[in-house]
Amino acid sequence: MSNLKFVTSPTNNQDPSNEKSSEIEVSKKQKNFFISTYDELKLVVWPNKQQLFSESVAVIIMVSFSAAAIAAVSRFYGWAAAQIFQLN
């Protein structure tokens, strides 16, 4: 008889019982994630109606100002390009 050596491909060496335990671990991790998320959300200081309104107005004003500034710069560069390159 000859001594034959068989070469096999590597495996992950997991049996089916380990798959169930890994599924349980994933389930526990998900549960812990949601519990931690809920606990963090309880720590958030939520704004009252007055704060919400005033901060919303401030955001709307700043966005409008920024849009107007960008439009002004864009129109200026458009006008300057038209003057330089005689575009009409």
PDB file of N, CA and C in Angstrom:
ATOM      1  N   MET A   1       0.831  -1.176   0.000  1.00  0.00           N
ATOM      2  CA  MET A   1       0.000   0.000   0.000  1.00  0.00           C
ATOM      3  C   MET A   1       0.872   1.234   0.000  1.00  0.00           C
ATOM      4  N   SER A   2       0.415   2.199  -0.715  1.00  0.00           N
ATOM      5  CA  SER A   2       1.166   3.446  -0.746  1.00  0.00           C
ATOM      6  C   SER A   2       0.541   4.442   0.221  1.00  0.00           C
ATOM      7  N   ASN A   3       1.375   5.322   0.680  1.00  0.00           N
ATOM      8  CA  ASN A   3       0.887   6.363   1.586  1.00  0.00           C
ATOM      9  C   ASN A   3       0.422   7.555   0.759  1.00  0.00           C
ATOM     10  N   LEU A   4      -0.882   7.687   0.646  1.00  0.00           N
ATOM     11  CA  LEU A   4      -1.450   8.792  -0.112  1.00  0.00           C
ATOM     12  C   LEU A   4      -1.831   9.924   0.831  1.00  0.00           C
ATOM     13  N   LYS A   5      -1.482  11.123   0.419  1.00  0.00           N
ATOM     14  CA  LYS A   5      -1.887  12.289   1.195  1.00  0.00           C
ATOM     15  C   LYS A   5      -2.935  13.031   0.391  1.00  0.00           C
ATOM     16  N   PHE A   6      -4.013  13.299   1.041  1.00  0.00           N
ATOM     17  CA  PHE A   6      -5.090  14.011   0.372  1.00  0.00           C
ATOM     18  C   PHE A   6      -5.028  15.481   0.725  1.00  0.00           C
ATOM     19  N   VAL A   7      -5.163  16.298  -0.285  1.00  0.00           N
ATOM     20  CA  VAL A   7      -5.191  17.736  -0.081  1.00  0.00           C
ATOM     21  C   VAL A   7      -6.639  18.174  -0.188  1.00  0.00           C
ATOM     22  N   THR A   8      -7.099  18.817   0.823  1.00  0.00           N
ATOM     23  CA  THR A   8      -8.490  19.289   0.800  1.00  0.00           C
ATOM     24  C   THR A   8      -8.511  20.806   0.879  1.00  0.00           C
ATOM     25  N   SER A   9      -9.596  21.351   0.459  1.00  0.00           N
ATOM     26  CA  SER A   9      -9.734  22.804   0.538  1.00  0.00           C
ATOM     27  C   SER A   9     -10.037  23.202   1.986  1.00  0.00           C
ATOM     28  N   PRO A  10      -9.629  24.374   2.359  1.00  0.00           N
ATOM     29  CA  PRO A  10      -9.877  24.794   3.740  1.00  0.00           C
ATOM     30  C   PRO A  10     -11.373  24.972   3.983  1.00  0.00           C
ATOM     31  N   THR A  11     -11.774  24.689   5.176  1.00  0.00           N
ATOM     32  CA  THR A  11     -13.174  24.862   5.564  1.00  0.00           C
ATOM     33  C   THR A  11     -13.241  25.815   6.732  1.00  0.00           C
ATOM     34  N   ASN A  12     -14.447  26.217   7.050  1.00  0.00           N
ATOM     35  CA  ASN A  12     -14.597  27.131   8.171  1.00  0.00           C
ATOM     36  C   ASN A  12     -14.764  26.391   9.491  1.00  0.00           C
ATOM     37  N   ASN A  13     -14.718  25.068   9.443  1.00  0.00           N
ATOM     38  CA  ASN A  13     -14.771  24.226  10.646  1.00  0.00           C
ATOM     39  C   ASN A  13     -15.928  24.577  11.560  1.00  0.00           C
ATOM     40  N   GLN A  14     -17.093  24.819  10.978  1.00  0.00           N
ATOM     41  CA  GLN A  14     -18.271  25.089  11.785  1.00  0.00           C
ATOM     42  C   GLN A  14     -19.255  23.954  11.590  1.00  0.00           C
ATOM     43  N   ASP A  15     -19.783  23.507  12.680  1.00  0.00           N
ATOM     44  CA  ASP A  15     -20.826  22.515  12.579  1.00  0.00           C
ATOM     45  C   ASP A  15     -22.173  23.218  12.741  1.00  0.00           C
ATOM     46  N   PRO A  16     -23.270  22.580  12.374  1.00  0.00           N
ATOM     47  CA  PRO A  16     -24.586  23.235  12.399  1.00  0.00           C
ATOM     48  C   PRO A  16     -24.979  23.776  13.774  1.00  0.00           C
ATOM     49  N   SER A  17     -24.532  23.151  14.853  1.00  0.00           N
ATOM     50  CA  SER A  17     -24.899  23.651  16.181  1.00  0.00           C
ATOM     51  C   SER A  17     -24.275  25.016  16.433  1.00  0.00           C
ATOM     52  N   ASN A  18     -23.097  25.293  15.890  1.00  0.00           N
ATOM     53  CA  ASN A  18     -22.465  26.605  16.044  1.00  0.00           C
ATOM     54  C   ASN A  18     -23.240  27.678  15.290  1.00  0.00           C
ATOM     55  N   GLU A  19     -23.871  27.311  14.173  1.00  0.00           N
ATOM     56  CA  GLU A  19     -24.640  28.283  13.408  1.00  0.00           C
ATOM     57  C   GLU A  19     -25.818  28.788  14.219  1.00  0.00           C
ATOM     58  N   LYS A  20     -26.473  27.886  14.954  1.00  0.00           N
ATOM     59  CA  LYS A  20     -27.596  28.302  15.790  1.00  0.00           C
ATOM     60  C   LYS A  20     -27.130  29.222  16.900  1.00  0.00           C
ATOM     61  N   SER A  21     -25.994  28.916  17.500  1.00  0.00           N
ATOM     62  CA  SER A  21     -25.502  29.771  18.569  1.00  0.00           C
ATOM     63  C   SER A  21     -25.082  31.136  18.033  1.00  0.00           C
ATOM     64  N   SER A  22     -24.556  31.176  16.807  1.00  0.00           N
ATOM     65  CA  SER A  22     -24.187  32.468  16.232  1.00  0.00           C
ATOM     66  C   SER A  22     -25.433  33.283  15.911  1.00  0.00           C
ATOM     67  N   GLU A  23     -26.508  32.605  15.493  1.00  0.00           N
ATOM     68  CA  GLU A  23     -27.767  33.315  15.253  1.00  0.00           C
ATOM     69  C   GLU A  23     -28.310  33.897  16.560  1.00  0.00           C
ATOM     70  N   ILE A  24     -28.175  33.173  17.632  1.00  0.00           N
ATOM     71  CA  ILE A  24     -28.621  33.658  18.940  1.00  0.00           C
ATOM     72  C   ILE A  24     -27.775  34.852  19.362  1.00  0.00           C
ATOM     73  N   GLU A  25     -26.461  34.794  19.111  1.00  0.00           N
ATOM     74  CA  GLU A  25     -25.586  35.910  19.451  1.00  0.00           C
ATOM     75  C   GLU A  25     -25.962  37.153  18.652  1.00  0.00           C
ATOM     76  N   VAL A  26     -26.270  36.969  17.370  1.00  0.00           N
ATOM     77  CA  VAL A  26     -26.678  38.104  16.533  1.00  0.00           C
ATOM     78  C   VAL A  26     -27.978  38.681  17.067  1.00  0.00           C
ATOM     79  N   SER A  27     -28.910  37.826  17.438  1.00  0.00           N
ATOM     80  CA  SER A  27     -30.182  38.287  17.974  1.00  0.00           C
ATOM     81  C   SER A  27     -29.970  39.075  19.269  1.00  0.00           C
ATOM     82  N   LYS A  28     -29.077  38.593  20.131  1.00  0.00           N
ATOM     83  CA  LYS A  28     -28.783  39.298  21.379  1.00  0.00           C
ATOM     84  C   LYS A  28     -28.132  40.648  21.102  1.00  0.00           C
ATOM     85  N   LYS A  29     -27.237  40.680  20.104  1.00  0.00           N
ATOM     86  CA  LYS A  29     -26.571  41.935  19.760  1.00  0.00           C
ATOM     87  C   LYS A  29     -27.584  42.948  19.236  1.00  0.00           C
ATOM     88  N   GLN A  30     -28.519  42.483  18.416  1.00  0.00           N
ATOM     89  CA  GLN A  30     -29.540  43.387  17.892  1.00  0.00           C
ATOM     90  C   GLN A  30     -30.412  43.921  19.021  1.00  0.00           C
ATOM     91  N   LYS A  31     -30.793  43.048  19.934  1.00  0.00           N
ATOM     92  CA  LYS A  31     -31.625  43.462  21.061  1.00  0.00           C
ATOM     93  C   LYS A  31     -30.876  44.487  21.908  1.00  0.00           C
ATOM     94  N   ASN A  32     -29.600  44.226  22.180  1.00  0.00           N
ATOM     95  CA  ASN A  32     -28.796  45.169  22.963  1.00  0.00           C
ATOM     96  C   ASN A  32     -28.643  46.499  22.233  1.00  0.00           C
ATOM     97  N   PHE A  33     -28.513  46.457  20.909  1.00  0.00           N
ATOM     98  CA  PHE A  33     -28.396  47.687  20.119  1.00  0.00           C
ATOM     99  C   PHE A  33     -29.648  48.531  20.280  1.00  0.00           C
ATOM    100  N   PHE A  34     -30.819  47.912  20.141  1.00  0.00           N
ATOM    101  CA  PHE A  34     -32.063  48.674  20.248  1.00  0.00           C
ATOM    102  C   PHE A  34     -32.295  49.187  21.665  1.00  0.00           C
ATOM    103  N   ILE A  35     -31.927  48.415  22.651  1.00  0.00           N
ATOM    104  CA  ILE A  35     -32.055  48.874  24.036  1.00  0.00           C
ATOM    105  C   ILE A  35     -31.131  50.063  24.274  1.00  0.00           C
ATOM    106  N   SER A  36     -29.903  49.987  23.785  1.00  0.00           N
ATOM    107  CA  SER A  36     -28.954  51.089  23.951  1.00  0.00           C
ATOM    108  C   SER A  36     -29.427  52.331  23.204  1.00  0.00           C
ATOM    109  N   THR A  37     -29.969  52.132  22.013  1.00  0.00           N
ATOM    110  CA  THR A  37     -30.484  53.262  21.239  1.00  0.00           C
ATOM    111  C   THR A  37     -31.625  53.936  21.986  1.00  0.00           C
ATOM    112  N   TYR A  38     -32.531  53.159  22.525  1.00  0.00           N
ATOM    113  CA  TYR A  38     -33.662  53.708  23.284  1.00  0.00           C
ATOM    114  C   TYR A  38     -33.163  54.476  24.505  1.00  0.00           C
ATOM    115  N   ASP A  39     -32.178  53.923  25.197  1.00  0.00           N
ATOM    116  CA  ASP A  39     -31.617  54.607  26.364  1.00  0.00           C
ATOM    117  C   ASP A  39     -30.973  55.933  25.982  1.00  0.00           C
ATOM    118  N   GLU A  40     -30.283  55.975  24.845  1.00  0.00           N
ATOM    119  CA  GLU A  40     -29.665  57.225  24.386  1.00  0.00           C
ATOM    120  C   GLU A  40     -30.723  58.258  24.016  1.00  0.00           C
ATOM    121  N   LEU A  41     -31.797  57.802  23.379  1.00  0.00           N
ATOM    122  CA  LEU A  41     -32.855  58.742  22.995  1.00  0.00           C
ATOM    123  C   LEU A  41     -33.555  59.341  24.212  1.00  0.00           C
ATOM    124  N   LYS A  42     -33.567  58.625  25.325  1.00  0.00           N
ATOM    125  CA  LYS A  42     -34.141  59.191  26.553  1.00  0.00           C
ATOM    126  C   LYS A  42     -33.275  60.316  27.097  1.00  0.00           C
ATOM    127  N   LEU A  43     -31.986  60.332  26.752  1.00  0.00           N
ATOM    128  CA  LEU A  43     -31.070  61.369  27.242  1.00  0.00           C
ATOM    129  C   LEU A  43     -31.102  62.639  26.403  1.00  0.00           C
ATOM    130  N   VAL A  44     -31.728  62.579  25.225  1.00  0.00           N
ATOM    131  CA  VAL A  44     -31.770  63.737  24.334  1.00  0.00           C
ATOM    132  C   VAL A  44     -32.656  64.814  24.946  1.00  0.00           C
ATOM    133  N   VAL A  45     -32.184  66.061  24.879  1.00  0.00           N
ATOM    134  CA  VAL A  45     -32.995  67.186  25.341  1.00  0.00           C
ATOM    135  C   VAL A  45     -33.758  67.700  24.127  1.00  0.00           C
ATOM    136  N   TRP A  46     -35.041  67.401  24.079  1.00  0.00           N
ATOM    137  CA  TRP A  46     -35.866  67.778  22.947  1.00  0.00           C
ATOM    138  C   TRP A  46     -36.319  69.220  23.117  1.00  0.00           C
ATOM    139  N   PRO A  47     -36.365  70.004  22.020  1.00  0.00           N
ATOM    140  CA  PRO A  47     -36.763  71.407  22.126  1.00  0.00           C
ATOM    141  C   PRO A  47     -38.267  71.539  22.353  1.00  0.00           C
ATOM    142  N   ASN A  48     -38.638  72.634  23.035  1.00  0.00           N
ATOM    143  CA  ASN A  48     -40.063  72.906  23.182  1.00  0.00           C
ATOM    144  C   ASN A  48     -40.549  73.628  21.931  1.00  0.00           C
ATOM    145  N   LYS A  49     -41.836  73.960  21.877  1.00  0.00           N
ATOM    146  CA  LYS A  49     -42.411  74.551  20.665  1.00  0.00           C
ATOM    147  C   LYS A  49     -41.778  75.896  20.335  1.00  0.00           C
ATOM    148  N   GLN A  50     -41.517  76.712  21.361  1.00  0.00           N
ATOM    149  CA  GLN A  50     -40.939  78.028  21.110  1.00  0.00           C
ATOM    150  C   GLN A  50     -39.531  77.910  20.531  1.00  0.00           C
ATOM    151  N   GLN A  51     -38.717  77.030  21.098  1.00  0.00           N
ATOM    152  CA  GLN A  51     -37.359  76.818  20.574  1.00  0.00           C
ATOM    153  C   GLN A  51     -37.414  76.280  19.148  1.00  0.00           C
ATOM    154  N   LEU A  52     -38.300  75.342  18.916  1.00  0.00           N
ATOM    155  CA  LEU A  52     -38.431  74.750  17.591  1.00  0.00           C
ATOM    156  C   LEU A  52     -38.807  75.809  16.558  1.00  0.00           C
ATOM    157  N   PHE A  53     -39.771  76.670  16.911  1.00  0.00           N
ATOM    158  CA  PHE A  53     -40.209  77.714  15.996  1.00  0.00           C
ATOM    159  C   PHE A  53     -39.092  78.712  15.720  1.00  0.00           C
ATOM    160  N   SER A  54     -38.439  79.195  16.780  1.00  0.00           N
ATOM    161  CA  SER A  54     -37.412  80.224  16.583  1.00  0.00           C
ATOM    162  C   SER A  54     -36.206  79.671  15.827  1.00  0.00           C
ATOM    163  N   GLU A  55     -35.814  78.453  16.091  1.00  0.00           N
ATOM    164  CA  GLU A  55     -34.688  77.868  15.381  1.00  0.00           C
ATOM    165  C   GLU A  55     -35.050  77.551  13.925  1.00  0.00           C
ATOM    166  N   SER A  56     -36.298  77.180  13.685  1.00  0.00           N
ATOM    167  CA  SER A  56     -36.741  76.949  12.308  1.00  0.00           C
ATOM    168  C   SER A  56     -36.728  78.248  11.514  1.00  0.00           C
ATOM    169  N   VAL A  57     -37.187  79.341  12.132  1.00  0.00           N
ATOM    170  CA  VAL A  57     -37.168  80.643  11.465  1.00  0.00           C
ATOM    171  C   VAL A  57     -35.730  81.051  11.170  1.00  0.00           C
ATOM    172  N   ALA A  58     -34.821  80.818  12.120  1.00  0.00           N
ATOM    173  CA  ALA A  58     -33.413  81.164  11.906  1.00  0.00           C
ATOM    174  C   ALA A  58     -32.829  80.368  10.742  1.00  0.00           C
ATOM    175  N   VAL A  59     -33.159  79.104  10.646  1.00  0.00           N
ATOM    176  CA  VAL A  59     -32.659  78.268   9.547  1.00  0.00           C
ATOM    177  C   VAL A  59     -33.214  78.758   8.211  1.00  0.00           C
ATOM    178  N   ILE A  60     -34.503  79.063   8.167  1.00  0.00           N
ATOM    179  CA  ILE A  60     -35.115  79.541   6.921  1.00  0.00           C
ATOM    180  C   ILE A  60     -34.475  80.854   6.482  1.00  0.00           C
ATOM    181  N   ILE A  61     -34.233  81.766   7.425  1.00  0.00           N
ATOM    182  CA  ILE A  61     -33.599  83.046   7.093  1.00  0.00           C
ATOM    183  C   ILE A  61     -32.183  82.826   6.571  1.00  0.00           C
ATOM    184  N   MET A  62     -31.403  81.988   7.225  1.00  0.00           N
ATOM    185  CA  MET A  62     -30.022  81.758   6.796  1.00  0.00           C
ATOM    186  C   MET A  62     -29.965  81.063   5.429  1.00  0.00           C
ATOM    187  N   VAL A  63     -30.861  80.125   5.181  1.00  0.00           N
ATOM    188  CA  VAL A  63     -30.887  79.451   3.878  1.00  0.00           C
ATOM    189  C   VAL A  63     -31.263  80.449   2.797  1.00  0.00           C
ATOM    190  N   SER A  64     -32.242  81.321   3.076  1.00  0.00           N
ATOM    191  CA  SER A  64     -32.641  82.341   2.098  1.00  0.00           C
ATOM    192  C   SER A  64     -31.499  83.307   1.820  1.00  0.00           C
ATOM    193  N   PHE A  65     -30.806  83.731   2.872  1.00  0.00           N
ATOM    194  CA  PHE A  65     -29.664  84.630   2.707  1.00  0.00           C
ATOM    195  C   PHE A  65     -28.561  83.966   1.883  1.00  0.00           C
ATOM    196  N   SER A  66     -28.279  82.723   2.177  1.00  0.00           N
ATOM    197  CA  SER A  66     -27.235  82.003   1.435  1.00  0.00           C
ATOM    198  C   SER A  66     -27.622  81.841  -0.037  1.00  0.00           C
ATOM    199  N   ALA A  67     -28.884  81.515  -0.290  1.00  0.00           N
ATOM    200  CA  ALA A  67     -29.335  81.361  -1.678  1.00  0.00           C
ATOM    201  C   ALA A  67     -29.228  82.690  -2.419  1.00  0.00           C
ATOM    202  N   ALA A  68     -29.611  83.785  -1.744  1.00  0.00           N
ATOM    203  CA  ALA A  68     -29.522  85.104  -2.384  1.00  0.00           C
ATOM    204  C   ALA A  68     -28.068  85.471  -2.663  1.00  0.00           C
ATOM    205  N   ALA A  69     -27.167  85.177  -1.739  1.00  0.00           N
ATOM    206  CA  ALA A  69     -25.751  85.492  -1.936  1.00  0.00           C
ATOM    207  C   ALA A  69     -25.173  84.683  -3.097  1.00  0.00           C
ATOM    208  N   ILE A  70     -25.511  83.419  -3.171  1.00  0.00           N
ATOM    209  CA  ILE A  70     -25.016  82.574  -4.264  1.00  0.00           C
ATOM    210  C   ILE A  70     -25.580  83.056  -5.599  1.00  0.00           C
ATOM    211  N   ALA A  71     -26.864  83.422  -5.618  1.00  0.00           N
ATOM    212  CA  ALA A  71     -27.472  83.930  -6.854  1.00  0.00           C
ATOM    213  C   ALA A  71     -26.809  85.233  -7.282  1.00  0.00           C
ATOM    214  N   ALA A  72     -26.499  86.117  -6.316  1.00  0.00           N
ATOM    215  CA  ALA A  72     -25.855  87.396  -6.647  1.00  0.00           C
ATOM    216  C   ALA A  72     -24.468  87.161  -7.248  1.00  0.00           C
ATOM    217  N   VAL A  73     -23.700  86.279  -6.639  1.00  0.00           N
ATOM    218  CA  VAL A  73     -22.364  85.979  -7.154  1.00  0.00           C
ATOM    219  C   VAL A  73     -22.467  85.359  -8.549  1.00  0.00           C
ATOM    220  N   SER A  74     -23.425  84.473  -8.736  1.00  0.00           N
ATOM    221  CA  SER A  74     -23.606  83.830 -10.038  1.00  0.00           C
ATOM    222  C   SER A  74     -23.986  84.857 -11.103  1.00  0.00           C
ATOM    223  N   ARG A  75     -24.893  85.765 -10.765  1.00  0.00           N
ATOM    224  CA  ARG A  75     -25.295  86.801 -11.736  1.00  0.00           C
ATOM    225  C   ARG A  75     -24.120  87.729 -12.048  1.00  0.00           C
ATOM    226  N   PHE A  76     -23.324  88.049 -11.024  1.00  0.00           N
ATOM    227  CA  PHE A  76     -22.170  88.916 -11.249  1.00  0.00           C
ATOM    228  C   PHE A  76     -21.191  88.267 -12.216  1.00  0.00           C
ATOM    229  N   TYR A  77     -20.871  86.983 -11.973  1.00  0.00           N
ATOM    230  CA  TYR A  77     -19.942  86.297 -12.864  1.00  0.00           C
ATOM    231  C   TYR A  77     -20.524  86.148 -14.267  1.00  0.00           C
ATOM    232  N   GLY A  78     -21.837  85.938 -14.358  1.00  0.00           N
ATOM    233  CA  GLY A  78     -22.472  85.884 -15.670  1.00  0.00           C
ATOM    234  C   GLY A  78     -22.369  87.216 -16.392  1.00  0.00           C
ATOM    235  N   TRP A  79     -22.609  88.310 -15.666  1.00  0.00           N
ATOM    236  CA  TRP A  79     -22.493  89.653 -16.250  1.00  0.00           C
ATOM    237  C   TRP A  79     -21.043  89.924 -16.661  1.00  0.00           C
ATOM    238  N   ALA A  80     -20.087  89.561 -15.786  1.00  0.00           N
ATOM    239  CA  ALA A  80     -18.673  89.793 -16.090  1.00  0.00           C
ATOM    240  C   ALA A  80     -18.253  88.995 -17.331  1.00  0.00           C
ATOM    241  N   ALA A  81     -18.698  87.766 -17.440  1.00  0.00           N
ATOM    242  CA  ALA A  81     -18.355  86.945 -18.604  1.00  0.00           C
ATOM    243  C   ALA A  81     -18.960  87.547 -19.865  1.00  0.00           C
ATOM    244  N   ALA A  82     -20.186  88.063 -19.754  1.00  0.00           N
ATOM    245  CA  ALA A  82     -20.818  88.683 -20.915  1.00  0.00           C
ATOM    246  C   ALA A  82     -20.057  89.926 -21.351  1.00  0.00           C
ATOM    247  N   GLN A  83     -19.548  90.702 -20.388  1.00  0.00           N
ATOM    248  CA  GLN A  83     -18.780  91.897 -20.726  1.00  0.00           C
ATOM    249  C   GLN A  83     -17.447  91.548 -21.380  1.00  0.00           C
ATOM    250  N   ILE A  84     -16.825  90.518 -20.868  1.00  0.00           N
ATOM    251  CA  ILE A  84     -15.497  90.128 -21.383  1.00  0.00           C
ATOM    252  C   ILE A  84     -15.610  89.488 -22.755  1.00  0.00           C
ATOM    253  N   PHE A  85     -16.553  88.568 -22.909  1.00  0.00           N
ATOM    254  CA  PHE A  85     -16.635  87.799 -24.144  1.00  0.00           C
ATOM    255  C   PHE A  85     -17.717  88.297 -25.090  1.00  0.00           C
ATOM    256  N   GLN A  86     -18.345  89.411 -24.782  1.00  0.00           N
ATOM    257  CA  GLN A  86     -19.396  90.010 -25.615  1.00  0.00           C
ATOM    258  C   GLN A  86     -20.507  89.014 -25.924  1.00  0.00           C
ATOM    259  N   LEU A  87     -20.996  88.343 -24.888  1.00  0.00           N
ATOM    260  CA  LEU A  87     -22.085  87.386 -25.057  1.00  0.00           C
ATOM    261  C   LEU A  87     -23.425  88.097 -24.874  1.00  0.00           C
ATOM    262  N   ASN A  88     -24.348  87.861 -25.758  1.00  0.00           N
ATOM    263  CA  ASN A  88     -25.709  88.412 -25.609  1.00  0.00           C
ATOM    264  C   ASN A  88     -26.669  87.578 -26.381  1.00  0.00           C
TER     265      ASN A  88
END
